[in-house]
């Protein structure tokens, strides 16, 4: 890989554009850069999640997802590139089935919360959904791989399931929404 970041500031973005991986430049407010930013934010949030106590199995899963998200960011930074393998969303589906299999079926809506790590994973799920929306916006004007869209859609589902599983594994449960809880106050 060499010394790719030997100089951190270049001043080339001072006018509001940024360089993409193919050498082209685009506005820092473009749909592509917005999608890249949300994927980066999600990856950073997972880094915070990984600071918490969790099983080695979940830790390895999340670290693998961080690598996938870096691949996705690379894909977004090179228009027309496909860095994610078609099998990667299926790997998330297997994890969803594995962890959801240990949970009771939902009968109510749940609130983000419970343990600290579960609440952080719920926040990561919300950021993932935003990244997915930005990817869909980008896809309305530029080519985006179907794998990238499927990956973010499955990842948000996995993060929802993992938040529930983390609460259960800590001896707690879901925080149930109570419709109209404060309506009579």
C-alpha atoms as a PDB file:
ATOM      1  CA  UNK A   1       0.000   0.000   0.000  1.00  0.00           C
ATOM      2  CA  UNK A   2       2.914   2.351   0.547  1.00  0.00           C
ATOM      3  CA  UNK A   3       2.742   5.676   2.325  1.00  0.00           C
ATOM      4  CA  UNK A   4      -0.630   6.899   1.139  1.00  0.00           C
ATOM      5  CA  UNK A   5      -1.173   9.473   3.867  1.00  0.00           C
ATOM      6  CA  UNK A   6       2.260  10.980   4.239  1.00  0.00           C
ATOM      7  CA  UNK A   7       0.734  14.474   4.173  1.00  0.00           C
ATOM      8  CA  UNK A   8      -2.622  14.933   5.864  1.00  0.00           C
ATOM      9  CA  UNK A   9      -3.575  18.350   4.554  1.00  0.00           C
ATOM     10  CA  UNK A  10      -3.362  19.158   0.870  1.00  0.00           C
ATOM     11  CA  UNK A  11      -5.432  22.346   0.599  1.00  0.00           C
ATOM     12  CA  UNK A  12      -7.065  20.901  -2.535  1.00  0.00           C
ATOM     13  CA  UNK A  13     -10.464  20.859  -0.827  1.00  0.00           C
ATOM     14  CA  UNK A  14     -10.439  24.434   0.356  1.00  0.00           C
ATOM     15  CA  UNK A  15     -12.775  25.484  -2.459  1.00  0.00           C
ATOM     16  CA  UNK A  16     -15.438  22.941  -1.484  1.00  0.00           C
ATOM     17  CA  UNK A  17     -14.507  19.975  -3.634  1.00  0.00           C
ATOM     18  CA  UNK A  18     -12.913  16.656  -2.774  1.00  0.00           C
ATOM     19  CA  UNK A  19     -11.003  14.078  -4.729  1.00  0.00           C
ATOM     20  CA  UNK A  20     -12.512  10.675  -5.416  1.00  0.00           C
ATOM     21  CA  UNK A  21     -10.600   7.432  -5.713  1.00  0.00           C
ATOM     22  CA  UNK A  22     -10.658   7.564  -9.516  1.00  0.00           C
ATOM     23  CA  UNK A  23      -8.929  10.962  -9.527  1.00  0.00           C
ATOM     24  CA  UNK A  24     -12.043  12.990 -10.331  1.00  0.00           C
ATOM     25  CA  UNK A  25     -13.286  15.792  -8.103  1.00  0.00           C
ATOM     26  CA  UNK A  26     -16.788  16.413  -6.804  1.00  0.00           C
ATOM     27  CA  UNK A  27     -18.486  18.840  -4.461  1.00  0.00           C
ATOM     28  CA  UNK A  28     -18.241  18.079  -0.773  1.00  0.00           C
ATOM     29  CA  UNK A  29     -22.029  18.457  -0.695  1.00  0.00           C
ATOM     30  CA  UNK A  30     -22.661  15.886  -3.446  1.00  0.00           C
ATOM     31  CA  UNK A  31     -24.884  12.854  -2.905  1.00  0.00           C
ATOM     32  CA  UNK A  32     -21.824  10.605  -3.256  1.00  0.00           C
ATOM     33  CA  UNK A  33     -19.868  12.403  -0.544  1.00  0.00           C
ATOM     34  CA  UNK A  34     -22.962  12.472   1.707  1.00  0.00           C
ATOM     35  CA  UNK A  35     -23.324   8.692   1.364  1.00  0.00           C
ATOM     36  CA  UNK A  36     -19.603   8.204   2.016  1.00  0.00           C
ATOM     37  CA  UNK A  37     -19.880  10.386   5.117  1.00  0.00           C
ATOM     38  CA  UNK A  38     -22.790   8.427   6.558  1.00  0.00           C
ATOM     39  CA  UNK A  39     -21.009   5.113   5.969  1.00  0.00           C
ATOM     40  CA  UNK A  40     -17.931   6.564   7.691  1.00  0.00           C
ATOM     41  CA  UNK A  41     -20.061   7.793  10.608  1.00  0.00           C
ATOM     42  CA  UNK A  42     -21.603   4.345  10.972  1.00  0.00           C
ATOM     43  CA  UNK A  43     -18.169   2.743  10.982  1.00  0.00           C
ATOM     44  CA  UNK A  44     -16.976   5.224  13.611  1.00  0.00           C
ATOM     45  CA  UNK A  45     -20.021   4.517  15.756  1.00  0.00           C
ATOM     46  CA  UNK A  46     -19.306   0.801  15.573  1.00  0.00           C
ATOM     47  CA  UNK A  47     -15.821   1.667  16.834  1.00  0.00           C
ATOM     48  CA  UNK A  48     -17.463   3.195  19.903  1.00  0.00           C
ATOM     49  CA  UNK A  49     -19.674   0.118  20.309  1.00  0.00           C
ATOM     50  CA  UNK A  50     -16.555  -2.052  20.259  1.00  0.00           C
ATOM     51  CA  UNK A  51     -15.223  -0.203  23.316  1.00  0.00           C
ATOM     52  CA  UNK A  52     -17.950  -1.908  25.361  1.00  0.00           C
ATOM     53  CA  UNK A  53     -17.896  -5.376  26.888  1.00  0.00           C
ATOM     54  CA  UNK A  54     -19.348  -8.090  24.640  1.00  0.00           C
ATOM     55  CA  UNK A  55     -18.769 -11.675  23.634  1.00  0.00           C
ATOM     56  CA  UNK A  56     -15.821 -12.463  21.392  1.00  0.00           C
ATOM     57  CA  UNK A  57     -18.274 -13.759  18.791  1.00  0.00           C
ATOM     58  CA  UNK A  58     -20.154 -10.443  18.581  1.00  0.00           C
ATOM     59  CA  UNK A  59     -16.880  -8.503  18.680  1.00  0.00           C
ATOM     60  CA  UNK A  60     -15.518 -10.452  15.696  1.00  0.00           C
ATOM     61  CA  UNK A  61     -18.790  -9.975  13.819  1.00  0.00           C
ATOM     62  CA  UNK A  62     -18.694  -6.200  14.358  1.00  0.00           C
ATOM     63  CA  UNK A  63     -15.017  -5.934  13.408  1.00  0.00           C
ATOM     64  CA  UNK A  64     -15.802  -7.811  10.203  1.00  0.00           C
ATOM     65  CA  UNK A  65     -18.637  -5.369   9.529  1.00  0.00           C
ATOM     66  CA  UNK A  66     -16.238  -2.462  10.023  1.00  0.00           C
ATOM     67  CA  UNK A  67     -14.014  -3.922   7.321  1.00  0.00           C
ATOM     68  CA  UNK A  68     -17.059  -4.347   5.063  1.00  0.00           C
ATOM     69  CA  UNK A  69     -18.042  -0.727   5.656  1.00  0.00           C
ATOM     70  CA  UNK A  70     -14.548   0.401   4.712  1.00  0.00           C
ATOM     71  CA  UNK A  71     -14.919  -1.651   1.509  1.00  0.00           C
ATOM     72  CA  UNK A  72     -18.263   0.048   0.896  1.00  0.00           C
ATOM     73  CA  UNK A  73     -16.721   3.465   1.473  1.00  0.00           C
ATOM     74  CA  UNK A  74     -14.033   2.560  -1.054  1.00  0.00           C
ATOM     75  CA  UNK A  75     -16.688   1.470  -3.512  1.00  0.00           C
ATOM     76  CA  UNK A  76     -18.452   4.794  -3.093  1.00  0.00           C
ATOM     77  CA  UNK A  77     -15.215   6.724  -3.538  1.00  0.00           C
ATOM     78  CA  UNK A  78     -14.560   5.083  -6.923  1.00  0.00           C
ATOM     79  CA  UNK A  79     -17.635   5.595  -9.135  1.00  0.00           C
ATOM     80  CA  UNK A  80     -18.538   2.348 -10.876  1.00  0.00           C
ATOM     81  CA  UNK A  81     -16.421   0.157  -8.590  1.00  0.00           C
ATOM     82  CA  UNK A  82     -17.740  -2.974  -6.873  1.00  0.00           C
ATOM     83  CA  UNK A  83     -15.725  -3.848  -3.769  1.00  0.00           C
ATOM     84  CA  UNK A  84     -18.425  -5.748  -1.858  1.00  0.00           C
ATOM     85  CA  UNK A  85     -18.930  -9.381  -2.842  1.00  0.00           C
ATOM     86  CA  UNK A  86     -22.443 -10.510  -3.697  1.00  0.00           C
ATOM     87  CA  UNK A  87     -22.175 -12.985  -0.795  1.00  0.00           C
ATOM     88  CA  UNK A  88     -21.675 -10.346   1.894  1.00  0.00           C
ATOM     89  CA  UNK A  89     -25.379  -9.536   2.513  1.00  0.00           C
ATOM     90  CA  UNK A  90     -25.984 -13.296   2.885  1.00  0.00           C
ATOM     91  CA  UNK A  91     -23.362 -13.438   5.632  1.00  0.00           C
ATOM     92  CA  UNK A  92     -25.378 -10.796   7.506  1.00  0.00           C
ATOM     93  CA  UNK A  93     -28.559 -12.822   6.994  1.00  0.00           C
ATOM     94  CA  UNK A  94     -26.860 -15.830   8.605  1.00  0.00           C
ATOM     95  CA  UNK A  95     -25.927 -13.683  11.603  1.00  0.00           C
ATOM     96  CA  UNK A  96     -29.487 -12.326  11.821  1.00  0.00           C
ATOM     97  CA  UNK A  97     -30.866 -15.878  11.862  1.00  0.00           C
ATOM     98  CA  UNK A  98     -28.297 -16.983  14.451  1.00  0.00           C
ATOM     99  CA  UNK A  99     -28.999 -14.195  16.962  1.00  0.00           C
ATOM    100  CA  UNK A 100     -32.718 -13.813  16.285  1.00  0.00           C
ATOM    101  CA  UNK A 101     -33.124 -17.541  16.895  1.00  0.00           C
ATOM    102  CA  UNK A 102     -32.348 -16.946  20.569  1.00  0.00           C
ATOM    103  CA  UNK A 103     -34.940 -14.159  20.964  1.00  0.00           C
ATOM    104  CA  UNK A 104     -38.629 -14.243  21.693  1.00  0.00           C
ATOM    105  CA  UNK A 105     -40.818 -13.026  18.828  1.00  0.00           C
ATOM    106  CA  UNK A 106     -41.727  -9.365  19.108  1.00  0.00           C
ATOM    107  CA  UNK A 107     -45.327  -8.585  20.021  1.00  0.00           C
ATOM    108  CA  UNK A 108     -44.775  -4.887  20.720  1.00  0.00           C
ATOM    109  CA  UNK A 109     -42.682  -2.070  19.347  1.00  0.00           C
ATOM    110  CA  UNK A 110     -39.544  -1.458  21.362  1.00  0.00           C
ATOM    111  CA  UNK A 111     -37.679   1.663  22.357  1.00  0.00           C
ATOM    112  CA  UNK A 112     -33.937   2.048  21.822  1.00  0.00           C
ATOM    113  CA  UNK A 113     -32.365   1.345  25.177  1.00  0.00           C
ATOM    114  CA  UNK A 114     -31.689  -1.271  27.774  1.00  0.00           C
ATOM    115  CA  UNK A 115     -27.981  -1.667  28.318  1.00  0.00           C
ATOM    116  CA  UNK A 116     -25.478   0.953  27.229  1.00  0.00           C
ATOM    117  CA  UNK A 117     -24.071  -1.247  24.446  1.00  0.00           C
ATOM    118  CA  UNK A 118     -27.550  -2.135  23.171  1.00  0.00           C
ATOM    119  CA  UNK A 119     -28.515   1.550  23.085  1.00  0.00           C
ATOM    120  CA  UNK A 120     -25.345   2.292  21.105  1.00  0.00           C
ATOM    121  CA  UNK A 121     -26.184  -0.491  18.649  1.00  0.00           C
ATOM    122  CA  UNK A 122     -29.695   0.973  18.264  1.00  0.00           C
ATOM    123  CA  UNK A 123     -28.059   4.317  17.424  1.00  0.00           C
ATOM    124  CA  UNK A 124     -25.813   2.556  14.898  1.00  0.00           C
ATOM    125  CA  UNK A 125     -28.969   1.041  13.353  1.00  0.00           C
ATOM    126  CA  UNK A 126     -30.478   4.517  12.932  1.00  0.00           C
ATOM    127  CA  UNK A 127     -27.277   5.827  11.325  1.00  0.00           C
ATOM    128  CA  UNK A 128     -27.233   2.751   9.067  1.00  0.00           C
ATOM    129  CA  UNK A 129     -30.769   3.540   7.900  1.00  0.00           C
ATOM    130  CA  UNK A 130     -29.674   7.111   7.115  1.00  0.00           C
ATOM    131  CA  UNK A 131     -26.681   5.804   5.152  1.00  0.00           C
ATOM    132  CA  UNK A 132     -29.041   3.527   3.241  1.00  0.00           C
ATOM    133  CA  UNK A 133     -31.315   6.470   2.405  1.00  0.00           C
ATOM    134  CA  UNK A 134     -28.322   8.466   1.144  1.00  0.00           C
ATOM    135  CA  UNK A 135     -27.247   5.507  -0.976  1.00  0.00           C
ATOM    136  CA  UNK A 136     -30.729   5.318  -2.505  1.00  0.00           C
ATOM    137  CA  UNK A 137     -30.573   9.060  -3.234  1.00  0.00           C
ATOM    138  CA  UNK A 138     -27.210   8.603  -4.937  1.00  0.00           C
ATOM    139  CA  UNK A 139     -28.582   5.645  -6.931  1.00  0.00           C
ATOM    140  CA  UNK A 140     -31.309   7.870  -8.381  1.00  0.00           C
ATOM    141  CA  UNK A 141     -28.658   9.767 -10.377  1.00  0.00           C
ATOM    142  CA  UNK A 142     -25.553   7.539 -10.469  1.00  0.00           C
ATOM    143  CA  UNK A 143     -24.766   3.841 -10.613  1.00  0.00           C
ATOM    144  CA  UNK A 144     -24.658   2.107  -7.217  1.00  0.00           C
ATOM    145  CA  UNK A 145     -24.212  -1.622  -6.816  1.00  0.00           C
ATOM    146  CA  UNK A 146     -27.231  -3.665  -5.800  1.00  0.00           C
ATOM    147  CA  UNK A 147     -24.956  -5.415  -3.302  1.00  0.00           C
ATOM    148  CA  UNK A 148     -24.254  -2.118  -1.514  1.00  0.00           C
ATOM    149  CA  UNK A 149     -27.969  -1.401  -1.106  1.00  0.00           C
ATOM    150  CA  UNK A 150     -28.727  -4.940   0.068  1.00  0.00           C
ATOM    151  CA  UNK A 151     -25.788  -4.844   2.482  1.00  0.00           C
ATOM    152  CA  UNK A 152     -26.948  -1.699   4.290  1.00  0.00           C
ATOM    153  CA  UNK A 153     -30.538  -2.943   4.390  1.00  0.00           C
ATOM    154  CA  UNK A 154     -29.473  -6.247   5.986  1.00  0.00           C
ATOM    155  CA  UNK A 155     -27.026  -4.504   8.301  1.00  0.00           C
ATOM    156  CA  UNK A 156     -29.736  -2.336   9.834  1.00  0.00           C
ATOM    157  CA  UNK A 157     -31.798  -5.480  10.458  1.00  0.00           C
ATOM    158  CA  UNK A 158     -28.801  -7.199  12.044  1.00  0.00           C
ATOM    159  CA  UNK A 159     -28.103  -4.211  14.288  1.00  0.00           C
ATOM    160  CA  UNK A 160     -31.724  -4.256  15.488  1.00  0.00           C
ATOM    161  CA  UNK A 161     -31.464  -7.953  16.313  1.00  0.00           C
ATOM    162  CA  UNK A 162     -28.047  -7.530  17.954  1.00  0.00           C
ATOM    163  CA  UNK A 163     -29.344  -4.739  20.204  1.00  0.00           C
ATOM    164  CA  UNK A 164     -32.123  -7.027  21.398  1.00  0.00           C
ATOM    165  CA  UNK A 165     -29.707  -9.944  21.818  1.00  0.00           C
ATOM    166  CA  UNK A 166     -27.222  -7.823  23.779  1.00  0.00           C
ATOM    167  CA  UNK A 167     -29.980  -6.789  26.196  1.00  0.00           C
ATOM    168  CA  UNK A 168     -31.052 -10.402  26.624  1.00  0.00           C
ATOM    169  CA  UNK A 169     -27.497 -11.657  27.086  1.00  0.00           C
ATOM    170  CA  UNK A 170     -26.990  -9.065  29.835  1.00  0.00           C
ATOM    171  CA  UNK A 171     -29.985 -10.492  31.689  1.00  0.00           C
ATOM    172  CA  UNK A 172     -32.391  -7.761  30.621  1.00  0.00           C
ATOM    173  CA  UNK A 173     -34.944  -7.459  27.941  1.00  0.00           C
ATOM    174  CA  UNK A 174     -36.475  -5.130  25.439  1.00  0.00           C
ATOM    175  CA  UNK A 175     -37.749  -1.719  26.488  1.00  0.00           C
ATOM    176  CA  UNK A 176     -41.361  -1.855  25.358  1.00  0.00           C
ATOM    177  CA  UNK A 177     -43.143   1.151  23.881  1.00  0.00           C
ATOM    178  CA  UNK A 178     -46.304   2.052  25.773  1.00  0.00           C
ATOM    179  CA  UNK A 179     -48.707   3.812  23.440  1.00  0.00           C
ATOM    180  CA  UNK A 180     -50.128   6.977  24.965  1.00  0.00           C
ATOM    181  CA  UNK A 181     -48.053   6.540  28.134  1.00  0.00           C
ATOM    182  CA  UNK A 182     -48.049  10.269  28.844  1.00  0.00           C
ATOM    183  CA  UNK A 183     -51.329  11.205  27.136  1.00  0.00           C
ATOM    184  CA  UNK A 184     -53.230  11.512  30.401  1.00  0.00           C
ATOM    185  CA  UNK A 185     -50.672  13.694  32.168  1.00  0.00           C
END
